[in-house]
Amino acid sequence: MMTSVVALLLAVLALFAVIASIHGHATIVVLLFLASFFPIGAFLMSADHWLRWVGWVDLGLLLAAGLMWSTRRAGGQTSAPPPAGTPT
């Protein structure tokens, strides 16, 4: 029973991480990484089982948040030129 609850919690956190990454919220992705990595992911990284990949893939959240954070400044707030024929 407890295993099912933990699996459901990780699935919900993954869903929230997908939504946050689509919208470009790097801070939320970092918070979701912390919420999912330290209770479960860090423990599973040392497991001698196929589930160790859950811990390693969980580090992908941190990598994705770092990439979003670093590229946000480069591609952020650019103003498009006004359409042709409009007064400036």
PDB file of N, CA and C in Angstrom:
ATOM      1  N   MET A   1       0.822  -1.197   0.000  1.00  0.00           N
ATOM      2  CA  MET A   1       0.000   0.000   0.000  1.00  0.00           C
ATOM      3  C   MET A   1       0.863   1.257   0.000  1.00  0.00           C
ATOM      4  N   MET A   2       1.894   1.276   0.855  1.00  0.00           N
ATOM      5  CA  MET A   2       2.756   2.450   0.941  1.00  0.00           C
ATOM      6  C   MET A   2       3.517   2.663  -0.363  1.00  0.00           C
ATOM      7  N   THR A   3       3.890   1.582  -1.026  1.00  0.00           N
ATOM      8  CA  THR A   3       4.609   1.697  -2.289  1.00  0.00           C
ATOM      9  C   THR A   3       3.735   2.361  -3.344  1.00  0.00           C
ATOM     10  N   SER A   4       2.462   2.039  -3.346  1.00  0.00           N
ATOM     11  CA  SER A   4       1.541   2.648  -4.305  1.00  0.00           C
ATOM     12  C   SER A   4       1.371   4.140  -4.041  1.00  0.00           C
ATOM     13  N   VAL A   5       1.352   4.522  -2.801  1.00  0.00           N
ATOM     14  CA  VAL A   5       1.207   5.939  -2.447  1.00  0.00           C
ATOM     15  C   VAL A   5       2.443   6.711  -2.903  1.00  0.00           C
ATOM     16  N   VAL A   6       3.624   6.145  -2.671  1.00  0.00           N
ATOM     17  CA  VAL A   6       4.862   6.807  -3.087  1.00  0.00           C
ATOM     18  C   VAL A   6       4.928   6.899  -4.608  1.00  0.00           C
ATOM     19  N   ALA A   7       4.531   5.840  -5.295  1.00  0.00           N
ATOM     20  CA  ALA A   7       4.539   5.862  -6.763  1.00  0.00           C
ATOM     21  C   ALA A   7       3.553   6.903  -7.295  1.00  0.00           C
ATOM     22  N   LEU A   8       2.394   6.999  -6.684  1.00  0.00           N
ATOM     23  CA  LEU A   8       1.419   8.004  -7.097  1.00  0.00           C
ATOM     24  C   LEU A   8       1.937   9.415  -6.827  1.00  0.00           C
ATOM     25  N   LEU A   9       2.600   9.621  -5.699  1.00  0.00           N
ATOM     26  CA  LEU A   9       3.181  10.919  -5.376  1.00  0.00           C
ATOM     27  C   LEU A   9       4.251  11.305  -6.396  1.00  0.00           C
ATOM     28  N   LEU A  10       5.107  10.375  -6.767  1.00  0.00           N
ATOM     29  CA  LEU A  10       6.147  10.667  -7.760  1.00  0.00           C
ATOM     30  C   LEU A  10       5.538  10.958  -9.123  1.00  0.00           C
ATOM     31  N   ALA A  11       4.459  10.279  -9.469  1.00  0.00           N
ATOM     32  CA  ALA A  11       3.790  10.533 -10.745  1.00  0.00           C
ATOM     33  C   ALA A  11       3.163  11.928 -10.761  1.00  0.00           C
ATOM     34  N   VAL A  12       2.570  12.330  -9.653  1.00  0.00           N
ATOM     35  CA  VAL A  12       1.973  13.670  -9.571  1.00  0.00           C
ATOM     36  C   VAL A  12       3.062  14.740  -9.631  1.00  0.00           C
ATOM     37  N   LEU A  13       4.173  14.521  -8.933  1.00  0.00           N
ATOM     38  CA  LEU A  13       5.284  15.474  -8.996  1.00  0.00           C
ATOM     39  C   LEU A  13       5.848  15.569 -10.409  1.00  0.00           C
ATOM     40  N   ALA A  14       5.917  14.440 -11.107  1.00  0.00           N
ATOM     41  CA  ALA A  14       6.397  14.452 -12.490  1.00  0.00           C
ATOM     42  C   ALA A  14       5.446  15.230 -13.392  1.00  0.00           C
ATOM     43  N   LEU A  15       4.152  15.070 -13.180  1.00  0.00           N
ATOM     44  CA  LEU A  15       3.178  15.811 -13.968  1.00  0.00           C
ATOM     45  C   LEU A  15       3.309  17.320 -13.730  1.00  0.00           C
ATOM     46  N   PHE A  16       3.469  17.716 -12.470  1.00  0.00           N
ATOM     47  CA  PHE A  16       3.664  19.129 -12.153  1.00  0.00           C
ATOM     48  C   PHE A  16       4.973  19.647 -12.753  1.00  0.00           C
ATOM     49  N   ALA A  17       6.008  18.813 -12.774  1.00  0.00           N
ATOM     50  CA  ALA A  17       7.289  19.223 -13.363  1.00  0.00           C
ATOM     51  C   ALA A  17       7.153  19.443 -14.862  1.00  0.00           C
ATOM     52  N   VAL A  18       6.382  18.602 -15.527  1.00  0.00           N
ATOM     53  CA  VAL A  18       6.159  18.780 -16.967  1.00  0.00           C
ATOM     54  C   VAL A  18       5.421  20.087 -17.231  1.00  0.00           C
ATOM     55  N   ILE A  19       4.380  20.351 -16.454  1.00  0.00           N
ATOM     56  CA  ILE A  19       3.604  21.583 -16.637  1.00  0.00           C
ATOM     57  C   ILE A  19       4.479  22.805 -16.354  1.00  0.00           C
ATOM     58  N   ALA A  20       5.271  22.753 -15.291  1.00  0.00           N
ATOM     59  CA  ALA A  20       6.136  23.893 -14.954  1.00  0.00           C
ATOM     60  C   ALA A  20       7.209  24.105 -16.007  1.00  0.00           C
ATOM     61  N   SER A  21       7.737  23.029 -16.577  1.00  0.00           N
ATOM     62  CA  SER A  21       8.775  23.202 -17.593  1.00  0.00           C
ATOM     63  C   SER A  21       8.197  23.708 -18.906  1.00  0.00           C
ATOM     64  N   ILE A  22       6.975  23.323 -19.229  1.00  0.00           N
ATOM     65  CA  ILE A  22       6.337  23.847 -20.439  1.00  0.00           C
ATOM     66  C   ILE A  22       6.154  25.358 -20.319  1.00  0.00           C
ATOM     67  N   HIS A  23       5.810  25.812 -19.117  1.00  0.00           N
ATOM     68  CA  HIS A  23       5.592  27.241 -18.899  1.00  0.00           C
ATOM     69  C   HIS A  23       6.881  27.985 -18.561  1.00  0.00           C
ATOM     70  N   GLY A  24       8.000  27.266 -18.435  1.00  0.00           N
ATOM     71  CA  GLY A  24       9.295  27.903 -18.207  1.00  0.00           C
ATOM     72  C   GLY A  24       9.535  28.373 -16.796  1.00  0.00           C
ATOM     73  N   HIS A  25       8.939  27.724 -15.810  1.00  0.00           N
ATOM     74  CA  HIS A  25       9.118  28.112 -14.408  1.00  0.00           C
ATOM     75  C   HIS A  25      10.241  27.290 -13.790  1.00  0.00           C
ATOM     76  N   ALA A  26      11.462  27.791 -13.912  1.00  0.00           N
ATOM     77  CA  ALA A  26      12.629  27.047 -13.431  1.00  0.00           C
ATOM     78  C   ALA A  26      12.616  26.876 -11.916  1.00  0.00           C
ATOM     79  N   THR A  27      12.131  27.869 -11.190  1.00  0.00           N
ATOM     80  CA  THR A  27      12.105  27.779  -9.727  1.00  0.00           C
ATOM     81  C   THR A  27      11.194  26.651  -9.264  1.00  0.00           C
ATOM     82  N   ILE A  28      10.059  26.488  -9.909  1.00  0.00           N
ATOM     83  CA  ILE A  28       9.140  25.406  -9.547  1.00  0.00           C
ATOM     84  C   ILE A  28       9.762  24.058  -9.861  1.00  0.00           C
ATOM     85  N   VAL A  29      10.485  23.960 -10.970  1.00  0.00           N
ATOM     86  CA  VAL A  29      11.131  22.694 -11.329  1.00  0.00           C
ATOM     87  C   VAL A  29      12.196  22.343 -10.293  1.00  0.00           C
ATOM     88  N   VAL A  30      12.934  23.334  -9.801  1.00  0.00           N
ATOM     89  CA  VAL A  30      13.929  23.072  -8.751  1.00  0.00           C
ATOM     90  C   VAL A  30      13.239  22.602  -7.475  1.00  0.00           C
ATOM     91  N   LEU A  31      12.141  23.239  -7.105  1.00  0.00           N
ATOM     92  CA  LEU A  31      11.414  22.817  -5.902  1.00  0.00           C
ATOM     93  C   LEU A  31      10.876  21.392  -6.052  1.00  0.00           C
ATOM     94  N   LEU A  32      10.385  21.060  -7.246  1.00  0.00           N
ATOM     95  CA  LEU A  32       9.901  19.694  -7.468  1.00  0.00           C
ATOM     96  C   LEU A  32      11.049  18.697  -7.466  1.00  0.00           C
ATOM     97  N   PHE A  33      12.216  19.105  -7.950  1.00  0.00           N
ATOM     98  CA  PHE A  33      13.397  18.248  -7.859  1.00  0.00           C
ATOM     99  C   PHE A  33      13.727  17.961  -6.403  1.00  0.00           C
ATOM    100  N   LEU A  34      13.743  19.002  -5.586  1.00  0.00           N
ATOM    101  CA  LEU A  34      14.053  18.809  -4.166  1.00  0.00           C
ATOM    102  C   LEU A  34      13.021  17.908  -3.489  1.00  0.00           C
ATOM    103  N   ALA A  35      11.751  18.083  -3.857  1.00  0.00           N
ATOM    104  CA  ALA A  35      10.685  17.290  -3.237  1.00  0.00           C
ATOM    105  C   ALA A  35      10.736  15.834  -3.655  1.00  0.00           C
ATOM    106  N   SER A  36      11.249  15.547  -4.840  1.00  0.00           N
ATOM    107  CA  SER A  36      11.247  14.155  -5.289  1.00  0.00           C
ATOM    108  C   SER A  36      12.604  13.485  -5.151  1.00  0.00           C
ATOM    109  N   PHE A  37      13.693  14.249  -5.178  1.00  0.00           N
ATOM    110  CA  PHE A  37      15.013  13.619  -5.155  1.00  0.00           C
ATOM    111  C   PHE A  37      15.437  13.191  -3.759  1.00  0.00           C
ATOM    112  N   PHE A  38      15.316  14.086  -2.788  1.00  0.00           N
ATOM    113  CA  PHE A  38      15.877  13.761  -1.491  1.00  0.00           C
ATOM    114  C   PHE A  38      15.121  12.679  -0.731  1.00  0.00           C
ATOM    115  N   PRO A  39      13.824  12.572  -0.792  1.00  0.00           N
ATOM    116  CA  PRO A  39      13.220  11.427  -0.092  1.00  0.00           C
ATOM    117  C   PRO A  39      13.427  10.103  -0.831  1.00  0.00           C
ATOM    118  N   ILE A  40      13.337  10.114  -2.149  1.00  0.00           N
ATOM    119  CA  ILE A  40      13.319   8.858  -2.897  1.00  0.00           C
ATOM    120  C   ILE A  40      14.525   8.703  -3.818  1.00  0.00           C
ATOM    121  N   GLY A  41      14.789   9.718  -4.633  1.00  0.00           N
ATOM    122  CA  GLY A  41      15.810   9.610  -5.677  1.00  0.00           C
ATOM    123  C   GLY A  41      17.203   9.314  -5.149  1.00  0.00           C
ATOM    124  N   ALA A  42      17.609   9.993  -4.094  1.00  0.00           N
ATOM    125  CA  ALA A  42      18.943   9.770  -3.534  1.00  0.00           C
ATOM    126  C   ALA A  42      19.067   8.353  -2.988  1.00  0.00           C
ATOM    127  N   PHE A  43      18.009   7.849  -2.398  1.00  0.00           N
ATOM    128  CA  PHE A  43      18.030   6.479  -1.888  1.00  0.00           C
ATOM    129  C   PHE A  43      18.121   5.467  -3.022  1.00  0.00           C
ATOM    130  N   LEU A  44      17.387   5.700  -4.086  1.00  0.00           N
ATOM    131  CA  LEU A  44      17.360   4.741  -5.186  1.00  0.00           C
ATOM    132  C   LEU A  44      18.634   4.751  -6.022  1.00  0.00           C
ATOM    133  N   MET A  45      19.419   5.825  -5.979  1.00  0.00           N
ATOM    134  CA  MET A  45      20.653   5.869  -6.756  1.00  0.00           C
ATOM    135  C   MET A  45      21.639   4.800  -6.315  1.00  0.00           C
ATOM    136  N   SER A  46      21.590   4.428  -5.053  1.00  0.00           N
ATOM    137  CA  SER A  46      22.521   3.412  -4.551  1.00  0.00           C
ATOM    138  C   SER A  46      21.929   2.004  -4.564  1.00  0.00           C
ATOM    139  N   ALA A  47      20.690   1.870  -4.986  1.00  0.00           N
ATOM    140  CA  ALA A  47      20.041   0.552  -5.004  1.00  0.00           C
ATOM    141  C   ALA A  47      20.620  -0.304  -6.120  1.00  0.00           C
ATOM    142  N   ASP A  48      20.730  -1.583  -5.866  1.00  0.00           N
ATOM    143  CA  ASP A  48      21.217  -2.516  -6.875  1.00  0.00           C
ATOM    144  C   ASP A  48      20.002  -3.133  -7.571  1.00  0.00           C
ATOM    145  N   HIS A  49      19.293  -2.300  -8.292  1.00  0.00           N
ATOM    146  CA  HIS A  49      18.036  -2.680  -8.915  1.00  0.00           C
ATOM    147  C   HIS A  49      17.816  -1.746 -10.092  1.00  0.00           C
ATOM    148  N   TRP A  50      16.894  -2.098 -10.975  1.00  0.00           N
ATOM    149  CA  TRP A  50      16.643  -1.220 -12.123  1.00  0.00           C
ATOM    150  C   TRP A  50      16.062   0.121 -11.705  1.00  0.00           C
ATOM    151  N   LEU A  51      15.523   0.208 -10.508  1.00  0.00           N
ATOM    152  CA  LEU A  51      14.956   1.463 -10.019  1.00  0.00           C
ATOM    153  C   LEU A  51      16.007   2.534  -9.745  1.00  0.00           C
ATOM    154  N   ARG A  52      17.302   2.154  -9.757  1.00  0.00           N
ATOM    155  CA  ARG A  52      18.333   3.174  -9.545  1.00  0.00           C
ATOM    156  C   ARG A  52      18.278   4.243 -10.630  1.00  0.00           C
ATOM    157  N   TRP A  53      17.742   3.866 -11.798  1.00  0.00           N
ATOM    158  CA  TRP A  53      17.620   4.841 -12.882  1.00  0.00           C
ATOM    159  C   TRP A  53      16.614   5.936 -12.557  1.00  0.00           C
ATOM    160  N   VAL A  54      15.683   5.662 -11.669  1.00  0.00           N
ATOM    161  CA  VAL A  54      14.741   6.699 -11.225  1.00  0.00           C
ATOM    162  C   VAL A  54      15.512   7.831 -10.548  1.00  0.00           C
ATOM    163  N   GLY A  55      16.480   7.477  -9.733  1.00  0.00           N
ATOM    164  CA  GLY A  55      17.297   8.489  -9.073  1.00  0.00           C
ATOM    165  C   GLY A  55      18.150   9.276 -10.052  1.00  0.00           C
ATOM    166  N   TRP A  56      18.739   8.582 -11.020  1.00  0.00           N
ATOM    167  CA  TRP A  56      19.595   9.266 -11.990  1.00  0.00           C
ATOM    168  C   TRP A  56      18.772  10.141 -12.941  1.00  0.00           C
ATOM    169  N   VAL A  57      17.606   9.652 -13.351  1.00  0.00           N
ATOM    170  CA  VAL A  57      16.755  10.446 -14.230  1.00  0.00           C
ATOM    171  C   VAL A  57      16.182  11.649 -13.478  1.00  0.00           C
ATOM    172  N   ASP A  58      16.012  11.487 -12.179  1.00  0.00           N
ATOM    173  CA  ASP A  58      15.531  12.594 -11.357  1.00  0.00           C
ATOM    174  C   ASP A  58      16.512  13.767 -11.387  1.00  0.00           C
ATOM    175  N   LEU A  59      17.790  13.489 -11.566  1.00  0.00           N
ATOM    176  CA  LEU A  59      18.770  14.561 -11.707  1.00  0.00           C
ATOM    177  C   LEU A  59      18.524  15.372 -12.978  1.00  0.00           C
ATOM    178  N   GLY A  60      17.800  14.791 -13.927  1.00  0.00           N
ATOM    179  CA  GLY A  60      17.438  15.515 -15.141  1.00  0.00           C
ATOM    180  C   GLY A  60      16.568  16.727 -14.849  1.00  0.00           C
ATOM    181  N   LEU A  61      15.782  16.677 -13.787  1.00  0.00           N
ATOM    182  CA  LEU A  61      14.991  17.843 -13.386  1.00  0.00           C
ATOM    183  C   LEU A  61      15.900  19.011 -13.013  1.00  0.00           C
ATOM    184  N   LEU A  62      16.957  18.701 -12.268  1.00  0.00           N
ATOM    185  CA  LEU A  62      17.890  19.754 -11.882  1.00  0.00           C
ATOM    186  C   LEU A  62      18.619  20.300 -13.109  1.00  0.00           C
ATOM    187  N   LEU A  63      19.006  19.428 -14.015  1.00  0.00           N
ATOM    188  CA  LEU A  63      19.664  19.862 -15.250  1.00  0.00           C
ATOM    189  C   LEU A  63      18.724  20.722 -16.098  1.00  0.00           C
ATOM    190  N   ALA A  64      17.468  20.297 -16.214  1.00  0.00           N
ATOM    191  CA  ALA A  64      16.488  21.066 -16.993  1.00  0.00           C
ATOM    192  C   ALA A  64      16.248  22.435 -16.373  1.00  0.00           C
ATOM    193  N   ALA A  65      16.147  22.496 -15.053  1.00  0.00           N
ATOM    194  CA  ALA A  65      15.945  23.785 -14.389  1.00  0.00           C
ATOM    195  C   ALA A  65      17.148  24.690 -14.602  1.00  0.00           C
ATOM    196  N   GLY A  66      18.339  24.125 -14.537  1.00  0.00           N
ATOM    197  CA  GLY A  66      19.537  24.928 -14.782  1.00  0.00           C
ATOM    198  C   GLY A  66      19.588  25.466 -16.196  1.00  0.00           C
ATOM    199  N   LEU A  67      19.196  24.638 -17.161  1.00  0.00           N
ATOM    200  CA  LEU A  67      19.167  25.100 -18.551  1.00  0.00           C
ATOM    201  C   LEU A  67      18.108  26.176 -18.764  1.00  0.00           C
ATOM    202  N   MET A  68      16.943  25.998 -18.149  1.00  0.00           N
ATOM    203  CA  MET A  68      15.903  27.023 -18.269  1.00  0.00           C
ATOM    204  C   MET A  68      16.361  28.331 -17.649  1.00  0.00           C
ATOM    205  N   TRP A  69      17.030  28.229 -16.513  1.00  0.00           N
ATOM    206  CA  TRP A  69      17.476  29.416 -15.808  1.00  0.00           C
ATOM    207  C   TRP A  69      18.560  30.154 -16.600  1.00  0.00           C
ATOM    208  N   SER A  70      19.487  29.401 -17.197  1.00  0.00           N
ATOM    209  CA  SER A  70      20.589  30.041 -17.918  1.00  0.00           C
ATOM    210  C   SER A  70      20.156  30.614 -19.263  1.00  0.00           C
ATOM    211  N   THR A  71      19.179  30.006 -19.913  1.00  0.00           N
ATOM    212  CA  THR A  71      18.753  30.507 -21.215  1.00  0.00           C
ATOM    213  C   THR A  71      17.629  31.528 -21.116  1.00  0.00           C
ATOM    214  N   ARG A  72      17.075  31.715 -19.950  1.00  0.00           N
ATOM    215  CA  ARG A  72      16.001  32.688 -19.778  1.00  0.00           C
ATOM    216  C   ARG A  72      16.512  34.101 -20.036  1.00  0.00           C
ATOM    217  N   ARG A  73      17.705  34.402 -19.619  1.00  0.00           N
ATOM    218  CA  ARG A  73      18.268  35.733 -19.813  1.00  0.00           C
ATOM    219  C   ARG A  73      18.595  35.977 -21.283  1.00  0.00           C
ATOM    220  N   ALA A  74      19.068  34.952 -21.967  1.00  0.00           N
ATOM    221  CA  ALA A  74      19.484  35.121 -23.360  1.00  0.00           C
ATOM    222  C   ALA A  74      18.285  35.344 -24.278  1.00  0.00           C
ATOM    223  N   GLY A  75      17.209  34.649 -24.054  1.00  0.00           N
ATOM    224  CA  GLY A  75      16.068  34.741 -24.956  1.00  0.00           C
ATOM    225  C   GLY A  75      14.895  35.495 -24.386  1.00  0.00           C
ATOM    226  N   GLY A  76      15.078  36.127 -23.259  1.00  0.00           N
ATOM    227  CA  GLY A  76      13.958  36.789 -22.605  1.00  0.00           C
ATOM    228  C   GLY A  76      13.603  38.125 -23.218  1.00  0.00           C
ATOM    229  N   GLN A  77      12.656  38.780 -22.732  1.00  0.00           N
ATOM    230  CA  GLN A  77      12.127  40.108 -22.988  1.00  0.00           C
ATOM    231  C   GLN A  77      12.725  40.836 -24.198  1.00  0.00           C
ATOM    232  N   THR A  78      12.448  40.362 -25.357  1.00  0.00           N
ATOM    233  CA  THR A  78      12.828  41.103 -26.573  1.00  0.00           C
ATOM    234  C   THR A  78      11.565  41.685 -27.147  1.00  0.00           C
ATOM    235  N   SER A  79      11.647  42.920 -27.598  1.00  0.00           N
ATOM    236  CA  SER A  79      10.461  43.535 -28.168  1.00  0.00           C
ATOM    237  C   SER A  79      10.510  43.396 -29.680  1.00  0.00           C
ATOM    238  N   ALA A  80       9.421  43.018 -30.241  1.00  0.00           N
ATOM    239  CA  ALA A  80       9.328  42.847 -31.688  1.00  0.00           C
ATOM    240  C   ALA A  80       9.189  44.224 -32.322  1.00  0.00           C
ATOM    241  N   PRO A  81       9.706  44.385 -33.525  1.00  0.00           N
ATOM    242  CA  PRO A  81       9.528  45.677 -34.213  1.00  0.00           C
ATOM    243  C   PRO A  81       8.060  45.900 -34.511  1.00  0.00           C
ATOM    244  N   PRO A  82       7.629  47.157 -34.563  1.00  0.00           N
ATOM    245  CA  PRO A  82       6.208  47.409 -34.861  1.00  0.00           C
ATOM    246  C   PRO A  82       5.878  46.986 -36.292  1.00  0.00           C
ATOM    247  N   PRO A  83       4.644  46.607 -36.532  1.00  0.00           N
ATOM    248  CA  PRO A  83       4.251  46.215 -37.898  1.00  0.00           C
ATOM    249  C   PRO A  83       4.455  47.374 -38.861  1.00  0.00           C
ATOM    250  N   ALA A  84       4.673  47.039 -40.111  1.00  0.00           N
ATOM    251  CA  ALA A  84       4.896  48.062 -41.132  1.00  0.00           C
ATOM    252  C   ALA A  84       3.644  48.933 -41.284  1.00  0.00           C
ATOM    253  N   GLY A  85       3.861  50.222 -41.369  1.00  0.00           N
ATOM    254  CA  GLY A  85       2.760  51.136 -41.596  1.00  0.00           C
ATOM    255  C   GLY A  85       2.161  51.700 -40.324  1.00  0.00           C
ATOM    256  N   THR A  86       2.649  51.314 -39.143  1.00  0.00           N
ATOM    257  CA  THR A  86       2.119  51.875 -37.901  1.00  0.00           C
ATOM    258  C   THR A  86       3.025  52.999 -37.436  1.00  0.00           C
ATOM    259  N   PRO A  87       2.459  54.067 -36.916  1.00  0.00           N
ATOM    260  CA  PRO A  87       3.293  55.165 -36.421  1.00  0.00           C
ATOM    261  C   PRO A  87       4.051  54.744 -35.176  1.00  0.00           C
ATOM    262  N   THR A  88       5.259  55.241 -35.040  1.00  0.00           N
ATOM    263  CA  THR A  88       6.063  54.881 -33.866  1.00  0.00           C
ATOM    264  C   THR A  88       6.069  55.969 -32.837  1.00  0.00           C
TER     265      THR A  88
END
